[in-house]
C-alpha cells in the first residue's frame, strides 16, 4: 500500500472515530471554531493541569478532513505543555501552507502528517487548519 493510500485510510478512519468526540466534564476552555465557507464547525474543549493540556475533546460536524484533523490534533497535543501545543499548531499550519518541515518536525506531528497532501488542495486547507487555529485561539488568550 502506498504512503498516500495509508494516509487517506487514516483520515477516513479517524473522521468516523468517536474516541475524541464527546463533552468533557467541567472543561477549563470551550471554543467554537467555524469555517463559514463550507460549514465545518467544531467546539473544542480543554481541561488543563497547570500548564499541561490534560484532556481535550470536541463536538461538531463537518467534512472528513475537518473531523479527522480535529481528532488527530487532540491525540497529538494531549499531555503536552501549552508552549509545545502552540509550537505543534504552528508547525502543522506551516506544513499545510506548503512550508518544508525538518525530520524532527515531521516526527513531532505524528499522524497529523497525514494531512501534508492537503496543501495541494486549496479548497480543503481551511478544513484541515480549523481545529489548529481554534486551539491557538484558546491558548493565546
N, C-alpha and C. Protein backbone atom coordinates (compact mmCIF):
# COMPACT_ATOMS: atom_id res chain seq x y z
N UNK A 1 0.84 -1.18 0.00
CA UNK A 1 0.00 0.00 0.00
C UNK A 1 0.89 1.24 0.00
N UNK A 2 0.62 2.18 -0.88
CA UNK A 2 1.39 3.41 -0.99
C UNK A 2 1.13 4.30 0.22
N UNK A 3 2.11 5.16 0.53
CA UNK A 3 2.01 6.05 1.68
C UNK A 3 0.78 6.94 1.60
N UNK A 4 0.46 7.48 0.40
CA UNK A 4 -0.71 8.35 0.28
C UNK A 4 -2.00 7.57 0.53
N UNK A 5 -2.03 6.28 0.19
CA UNK A 5 -3.20 5.45 0.47
C UNK A 5 -3.35 5.20 1.97
N UNK A 6 -2.23 4.99 2.66
CA UNK A 6 -2.26 4.79 4.11
C UNK A 6 -2.80 6.06 4.77
N UNK A 7 -2.30 7.22 4.32
CA UNK A 7 -2.76 8.49 4.90
C UNK A 7 -4.24 8.70 4.63
N UNK A 8 -4.70 8.40 3.41
CA UNK A 8 -6.12 8.55 3.09
C UNK A 8 -6.95 7.64 3.97
N UNK A 9 -6.51 6.42 4.17
CA UNK A 9 -7.22 5.48 5.03
C UNK A 9 -7.26 6.00 6.47
N UNK A 10 -6.14 6.52 6.96
CA UNK A 10 -6.08 7.06 8.31
C UNK A 10 -7.07 8.22 8.47
N UNK A 11 -7.11 9.12 7.52
CA UNK A 11 -8.03 10.26 7.59
C UNK A 11 -9.48 9.78 7.60
N UNK A 12 -9.82 8.84 6.75
CA UNK A 12 -11.19 8.34 6.70
C UNK A 12 -11.57 7.61 8.00
N UNK A 13 -10.68 6.80 8.51
CA UNK A 13 -10.96 6.09 9.76
C UNK A 13 -11.11 7.06 10.92
N UNK A 14 -10.21 8.03 10.99
CA UNK A 14 -10.24 8.98 12.10
C UNK A 14 -11.46 9.90 12.02
N UNK A 15 -11.93 10.20 10.81
CA UNK A 15 -13.10 11.07 10.67
C UNK A 15 -14.36 10.40 11.22
N UNK A 16 -14.38 9.09 11.23
CA UNK A 16 -15.54 8.34 11.73
C UNK A 16 -15.38 7.94 13.20
N UNK A 17 -14.19 8.10 13.73
CA UNK A 17 -13.91 7.68 15.11
C UNK A 17 -14.62 8.60 16.11
N UNK A 18 -15.07 8.01 17.17
CA UNK A 18 -15.78 8.77 18.21
C UNK A 18 -14.93 8.95 19.48
N UNK A 19 -13.68 8.45 19.48
CA UNK A 19 -12.92 8.43 20.73
C UNK A 19 -12.60 9.82 21.29
N UNK A 20 -12.57 10.85 20.47
CA UNK A 20 -12.34 12.20 20.97
C UNK A 20 -13.58 13.09 20.86
N UNK A 21 -14.64 12.53 20.34
CA UNK A 21 -15.86 13.30 20.08
C UNK A 21 -16.85 13.11 21.23
N UNK A 22 -16.80 14.04 22.17
CA UNK A 22 -17.63 13.98 23.37
C UNK A 22 -17.50 15.30 24.12
N UNK A 23 -18.31 15.47 25.13
CA UNK A 23 -18.17 16.63 26.02
C UNK A 23 -17.30 16.23 27.20
N UNK A 24 -16.43 17.13 27.61
CA UNK A 24 -15.63 16.92 28.82
C UNK A 24 -16.44 17.38 30.02
N UNK A 25 -16.21 16.75 31.15
CA UNK A 25 -16.79 17.24 32.40
C UNK A 25 -15.98 18.46 32.85
N UNK A 26 -16.65 19.57 33.02
CA UNK A 26 -16.05 20.78 33.57
C UNK A 26 -14.75 21.20 32.86
N UNK A 27 -14.82 21.47 31.54
CA UNK A 27 -13.60 21.91 30.84
C UNK A 27 -13.18 23.31 31.29
N UNK A 28 -11.88 23.56 31.22
CA UNK A 28 -11.36 24.89 31.53
C UNK A 28 -11.58 25.86 30.37
N UNK A 29 -11.58 25.33 29.15
CA UNK A 29 -11.78 26.13 27.95
C UNK A 29 -12.76 25.43 27.02
N UNK A 30 -13.56 26.24 26.36
CA UNK A 30 -14.51 25.73 25.38
C UNK A 30 -14.61 26.80 24.29
N UNK A 31 -14.26 26.45 23.08
CA UNK A 31 -14.19 27.45 22.00
C UNK A 31 -14.80 26.89 20.72
N UNK A 32 -15.63 27.70 20.09
CA UNK A 32 -16.23 27.34 18.81
C UNK A 32 -15.28 27.71 17.69
N UNK A 33 -15.06 26.76 16.80
CA UNK A 33 -14.32 27.01 15.57
C UNK A 33 -15.26 26.80 14.40
N UNK A 34 -15.32 27.74 13.50
CA UNK A 34 -16.29 27.66 12.41
C UNK A 34 -15.64 28.09 11.10
N UNK A 35 -15.92 27.33 10.05
CA UNK A 35 -15.45 27.65 8.71
C UNK A 35 -16.67 28.04 7.89
N UNK A 36 -16.95 29.33 7.77
CA UNK A 36 -18.17 29.76 7.07
C UNK A 36 -18.20 29.40 5.59
N UNK A 37 -17.05 29.17 4.99
CA UNK A 37 -17.03 28.88 3.55
C UNK A 37 -17.58 27.48 3.23
N UNK A 38 -17.51 26.56 4.22
CA UNK A 38 -18.03 25.21 3.94
C UNK A 38 -18.97 24.69 5.02
N UNK A 39 -19.06 25.39 6.14
CA UNK A 39 -19.97 24.97 7.19
C UNK A 39 -19.37 24.07 8.25
N UNK A 40 -18.09 23.72 8.14
CA UNK A 40 -17.46 22.92 9.19
C UNK A 40 -17.55 23.68 10.51
N UNK A 41 -17.84 22.96 11.59
CA UNK A 41 -17.97 23.59 12.89
C UNK A 41 -17.54 22.61 13.97
N UNK A 42 -16.67 23.07 14.84
CA UNK A 42 -16.24 22.25 15.98
C UNK A 42 -16.31 23.10 17.25
N UNK A 43 -16.56 22.45 18.34
CA UNK A 43 -16.40 23.07 19.65
C UNK A 43 -15.32 22.29 20.36
N UNK A 44 -14.19 22.96 20.57
CA UNK A 44 -13.03 22.33 21.19
C UNK A 44 -13.07 22.60 22.69
N UNK A 45 -12.88 21.55 23.47
CA UNK A 45 -12.88 21.65 24.92
C UNK A 45 -11.54 21.17 25.46
N UNK A 46 -11.01 21.91 26.44
CA UNK A 46 -9.71 21.57 27.02
C UNK A 46 -9.80 21.59 28.54
N UNK A 47 -9.22 20.58 29.15
CA UNK A 47 -9.05 20.51 30.60
C UNK A 47 -7.55 20.61 30.86
N UNK A 48 -7.16 21.61 31.64
CA UNK A 48 -5.75 21.86 31.92
C UNK A 48 -5.37 21.29 33.28
N UNK A 49 -4.09 20.99 33.42
CA UNK A 49 -3.49 20.65 34.71
C UNK A 49 -2.24 21.51 34.79
N UNK A 50 -2.39 22.69 35.35
CA UNK A 50 -1.30 23.66 35.33
C UNK A 50 -1.08 24.12 33.90
N UNK A 51 0.11 23.86 33.37
CA UNK A 51 0.46 24.26 32.01
C UNK A 51 0.29 23.11 31.00
N UNK A 52 -0.23 21.98 31.46
CA UNK A 52 -0.36 20.77 30.63
C UNK A 52 -1.79 20.64 30.12
N UNK A 53 -1.92 20.32 28.84
CA UNK A 53 -3.23 20.02 28.26
C UNK A 53 -3.57 18.58 28.68
N UNK A 54 -4.27 18.47 29.80
CA UNK A 54 -4.54 17.17 30.40
C UNK A 54 -5.50 16.35 29.55
N UNK A 55 -6.58 16.99 29.09
CA UNK A 55 -7.53 16.28 28.26
C UNK A 55 -8.18 17.25 27.30
N UNK A 56 -8.57 16.74 26.15
CA UNK A 56 -9.24 17.53 25.12
C UNK A 56 -10.33 16.68 24.50
N UNK A 57 -11.34 17.34 23.99
CA UNK A 57 -12.38 16.66 23.24
C UNK A 57 -13.03 17.68 22.32
N UNK A 58 -13.92 17.19 21.47
CA UNK A 58 -14.65 18.10 20.59
C UNK A 58 -16.02 17.54 20.28
N UNK A 59 -16.88 18.45 19.87
CA UNK A 59 -18.15 18.09 19.28
C UNK A 59 -18.26 18.92 18.01
N UNK A 60 -19.12 18.51 17.12
CA UNK A 60 -19.31 19.29 15.91
C UNK A 60 -19.59 18.43 14.71
N UNK A 61 -19.60 19.11 13.57
CA UNK A 61 -19.90 18.43 12.32
C UNK A 61 -19.09 19.08 11.21
N UNK A 62 -18.92 18.31 10.16
CA UNK A 62 -18.17 18.83 9.03
C UNK A 62 -17.67 17.71 8.16
N UNK A 63 -16.82 18.08 7.23
CA UNK A 63 -16.27 17.11 6.28
C UNK A 63 -15.29 16.17 6.98
N UNK A 64 -14.93 15.12 6.28
CA UNK A 64 -14.00 14.13 6.83
C UNK A 64 -12.67 14.76 7.22
N UNK A 65 -12.19 15.71 6.43
CA UNK A 65 -10.89 16.32 6.72
C UNK A 65 -10.94 17.12 8.01
N UNK A 66 -11.98 17.93 8.20
CA UNK A 66 -12.05 18.74 9.43
C UNK A 66 -12.22 17.87 10.66
N UNK A 67 -13.05 16.83 10.56
CA UNK A 67 -13.29 15.96 11.71
C UNK A 67 -12.05 15.13 12.05
N UNK A 68 -11.40 14.60 11.03
CA UNK A 68 -10.18 13.82 11.26
C UNK A 68 -9.05 14.70 11.79
N UNK A 69 -8.91 15.90 11.23
CA UNK A 69 -7.87 16.81 11.68
C UNK A 69 -8.06 17.16 13.16
N UNK A 70 -9.31 17.37 13.56
CA UNK A 70 -9.59 17.69 14.96
C UNK A 70 -9.21 16.54 15.87
N UNK A 71 -9.64 15.34 15.53
CA UNK A 71 -9.36 14.19 16.37
C UNK A 71 -7.86 13.89 16.45
N UNK A 72 -7.19 13.95 15.32
CA UNK A 72 -5.75 13.69 15.30
C UNK A 72 -4.99 14.79 16.04
N UNK A 73 -5.44 16.04 15.91
CA UNK A 73 -4.81 17.12 16.66
C UNK A 73 -4.91 16.86 18.16
N UNK A 74 -6.09 16.44 18.61
CA UNK A 74 -6.29 16.16 20.03
C UNK A 74 -5.31 15.08 20.49
N UNK A 75 -5.19 14.00 19.73
CA UNK A 75 -4.25 12.93 20.10
C UNK A 75 -2.81 13.44 20.11
N UNK A 76 -2.50 14.37 19.22
CA UNK A 76 -1.14 14.89 19.09
C UNK A 76 -0.76 15.80 20.24
N UNK A 77 -1.68 16.63 20.72
CA UNK A 77 -1.33 17.63 21.75
C UNK A 77 -1.70 17.22 23.17
N UNK A 78 -2.52 16.19 23.33
CA UNK A 78 -2.91 15.75 24.68
C UNK A 78 -1.64 15.40 25.48
N UNK A 79 -1.56 15.95 26.69
CA UNK A 79 -0.42 15.68 27.57
C UNK A 79 0.76 16.60 27.34
N UNK A 80 0.67 17.47 26.35
CA UNK A 80 1.77 18.40 26.06
C UNK A 80 1.58 19.69 26.85
N UNK A 81 2.66 20.45 26.98
CA UNK A 81 2.56 21.77 27.60
C UNK A 81 1.87 22.72 26.63
N UNK A 82 1.38 23.80 27.16
CA UNK A 82 0.76 24.84 26.35
C UNK A 82 1.73 25.33 25.27
N UNK A 83 2.97 25.57 25.68
CA UNK A 83 4.00 26.05 24.75
C UNK A 83 4.25 25.05 23.62
N UNK A 84 4.34 23.77 23.96
CA UNK A 84 4.58 22.74 22.96
C UNK A 84 3.39 22.59 22.03
N UNK A 85 2.17 22.66 22.57
CA UNK A 85 0.96 22.57 21.75
C UNK A 85 0.90 23.72 20.74
N UNK A 86 1.26 24.92 21.18
CA UNK A 86 1.28 26.07 20.27
C UNK A 86 2.33 25.87 19.17
N UNK A 87 3.49 25.34 19.54
CA UNK A 87 4.54 25.08 18.55
C UNK A 87 4.08 24.04 17.54
N UNK A 88 3.40 23.01 18.00
CA UNK A 88 2.88 21.98 17.10
C UNK A 88 1.82 22.56 16.16
N UNK A 89 0.97 23.43 16.69
CA UNK A 89 -0.05 24.08 15.85
C UNK A 89 0.63 24.90 14.75
N UNK A 90 1.65 25.65 15.13
CA UNK A 90 2.36 26.46 14.13
C UNK A 90 3.03 25.57 13.08
N UNK A 91 3.60 24.46 13.50
CA UNK A 91 4.25 23.53 12.58
C UNK A 91 3.22 22.94 11.61
N UNK A 92 2.07 22.52 12.15
CA UNK A 92 1.02 21.96 11.29
C UNK A 92 0.55 22.99 10.27
N UNK A 93 0.29 24.20 10.71
CA UNK A 93 -0.18 25.25 9.82
C UNK A 93 0.87 25.55 8.75
N UNK A 94 2.14 25.60 9.14
CA UNK A 94 3.22 25.79 8.15
C UNK A 94 3.20 24.67 7.11
N UNK A 95 3.04 23.44 7.57
CA UNK A 95 3.01 22.29 6.65
C UNK A 95 1.87 22.45 5.64
N UNK A 96 0.70 22.82 6.12
CA UNK A 96 -0.45 22.98 5.23
C UNK A 96 -0.23 24.12 4.25
N UNK A 97 0.54 25.11 4.66
CA UNK A 97 0.86 26.25 3.77
C UNK A 97 1.96 25.89 2.77
N UNK A 98 2.49 24.66 2.87
CA UNK A 98 3.50 24.22 1.92
C UNK A 98 4.93 24.41 2.36
N UNK A 99 5.15 24.82 3.61
CA UNK A 99 6.50 25.01 4.13
C UNK A 99 7.12 23.62 4.36
N UNK A 100 8.37 23.45 3.93
CA UNK A 100 9.07 22.18 4.16
C UNK A 100 9.41 22.05 5.63
N UNK A 101 9.18 20.86 6.16
CA UNK A 101 9.46 20.61 7.57
C UNK A 101 10.73 19.77 7.72
N UNK A 102 11.37 19.93 8.87
CA UNK A 102 12.53 19.09 9.18
C UNK A 102 12.02 17.70 9.57
N UNK A 103 12.91 16.74 9.60
CA UNK A 103 12.53 15.39 10.03
C UNK A 103 11.99 15.40 11.45
N UNK A 104 12.62 16.20 12.32
CA UNK A 104 12.16 16.28 13.70
C UNK A 104 10.74 16.83 13.77
N UNK A 105 10.45 17.87 12.99
CA UNK A 105 9.10 18.44 12.98
C UNK A 105 8.09 17.42 12.47
N UNK A 106 8.45 16.69 11.44
CA UNK A 106 7.56 15.66 10.90
C UNK A 106 7.27 14.60 11.96
N UNK A 107 8.30 14.19 12.69
CA UNK A 107 8.12 13.19 13.76
C UNK A 107 7.21 13.71 14.85
N UNK A 108 7.39 14.98 15.22
CA UNK A 108 6.57 15.56 16.28
C UNK A 108 5.09 15.64 15.90
N UNK A 109 4.80 15.82 14.61
CA UNK A 109 3.41 15.90 14.18
C UNK A 109 2.71 14.53 14.17
N UNK A 110 3.49 13.48 14.23
CA UNK A 110 2.95 12.12 14.29
C UNK A 110 1.92 11.90 13.16
N UNK A 111 0.73 11.43 13.49
CA UNK A 111 -0.29 11.12 12.48
C UNK A 111 -0.81 12.35 11.75
N UNK A 112 -0.59 13.53 12.30
CA UNK A 112 -1.03 14.76 11.63
C UNK A 112 -0.32 14.95 10.29
N UNK A 113 0.78 14.23 10.08
CA UNK A 113 1.47 14.28 8.78
C UNK A 113 0.57 13.76 7.66
N UNK A 114 -0.48 13.04 8.00
CA UNK A 114 -1.42 12.52 7.00
C UNK A 114 -2.05 13.65 6.18
N UNK A 115 -2.01 14.86 6.71
CA UNK A 115 -2.64 16.00 6.04
C UNK A 115 -1.68 16.78 5.15
N UNK A 116 -0.47 16.30 5.00
CA UNK A 116 0.53 17.00 4.20
C UNK A 116 0.04 17.28 2.79
N UNK A 117 -0.65 16.33 2.19
CA UNK A 117 -1.14 16.49 0.83
C UNK A 117 -2.24 17.53 0.68
N UNK A 118 -2.85 17.93 1.79
CA UNK A 118 -3.92 18.92 1.74
C UNK A 118 -3.40 20.25 1.21
N UNK A 119 -2.12 20.50 1.36
CA UNK A 119 -1.53 21.74 0.83
C UNK A 119 -1.78 21.87 -0.67
N UNK A 120 -1.97 20.74 -1.35
CA UNK A 120 -2.22 20.75 -2.80
C UNK A 120 -3.71 20.89 -3.14
N UNK A 121 -4.55 20.98 -2.10
CA UNK A 121 -6.00 21.08 -2.30
C UNK A 121 -6.51 22.36 -1.64
N UNK A 122 -6.39 23.50 -2.33
CA UNK A 122 -6.73 24.79 -1.72
C UNK A 122 -8.12 24.84 -1.08
N UNK A 123 -9.08 24.15 -1.66
CA UNK A 123 -10.44 24.17 -1.11
C UNK A 123 -10.53 23.44 0.23
N UNK A 124 -9.54 22.62 0.56
CA UNK A 124 -9.57 21.83 1.80
C UNK A 124 -8.63 22.35 2.89
N UNK A 125 -7.82 23.34 2.56
CA UNK A 125 -6.87 23.87 3.53
C UNK A 125 -7.58 24.37 4.79
N UNK A 126 -8.64 25.16 4.63
CA UNK A 126 -9.35 25.70 5.79
C UNK A 126 -9.96 24.59 6.63
N UNK A 127 -10.36 23.49 6.00
CA UNK A 127 -10.92 22.35 6.73
C UNK A 127 -9.87 21.75 7.66
N UNK A 128 -8.67 21.58 7.15
CA UNK A 128 -7.60 20.94 7.92
C UNK A 128 -7.08 21.82 9.05
N UNK A 129 -7.01 23.13 8.82
CA UNK A 129 -6.42 24.01 9.85
C UNK A 129 -7.43 24.50 10.88
N UNK A 130 -8.72 24.30 10.64
CA UNK A 130 -9.75 24.79 11.57
C UNK A 130 -9.47 24.42 13.03
N UNK A 131 -9.26 23.16 13.37
CA UNK A 131 -9.03 22.85 14.79
C UNK A 131 -7.74 23.43 15.33
N UNK A 132 -6.73 23.52 14.49
CA UNK A 132 -5.43 24.02 14.94
C UNK A 132 -5.51 25.52 15.24
N UNK A 133 -6.23 26.27 14.42
CA UNK A 133 -6.43 27.69 14.70
C UNK A 133 -7.34 27.87 15.92
N UNK A 134 -8.30 26.99 16.11
CA UNK A 134 -9.16 27.06 17.28
C UNK A 134 -8.34 26.82 18.53
N UNK A 135 -7.45 25.84 18.49
CA UNK A 135 -6.54 25.57 19.61
C UNK A 135 -5.68 26.79 19.91
N UNK A 136 -5.10 27.38 18.88
CA UNK A 136 -4.27 28.57 19.06
C UNK A 136 -5.09 29.70 19.68
N UNK A 137 -6.33 29.85 19.24
CA UNK A 137 -7.19 30.90 19.79
C UNK A 137 -7.39 30.74 21.29
N UNK A 138 -7.54 29.51 21.74
CA UNK A 138 -7.71 29.25 23.16
C UNK A 138 -6.41 29.53 23.91
N UNK A 139 -5.32 28.96 23.44
CA UNK A 139 -4.07 29.00 24.17
C UNK A 139 -3.36 30.34 24.13
N UNK A 140 -3.69 31.18 23.17
CA UNK A 140 -3.05 32.50 23.08
C UNK A 140 -3.79 33.59 23.84
N UNK A 141 -4.92 33.24 24.45
CA UNK A 141 -5.69 34.23 25.23
C UNK A 141 -4.98 34.56 26.53
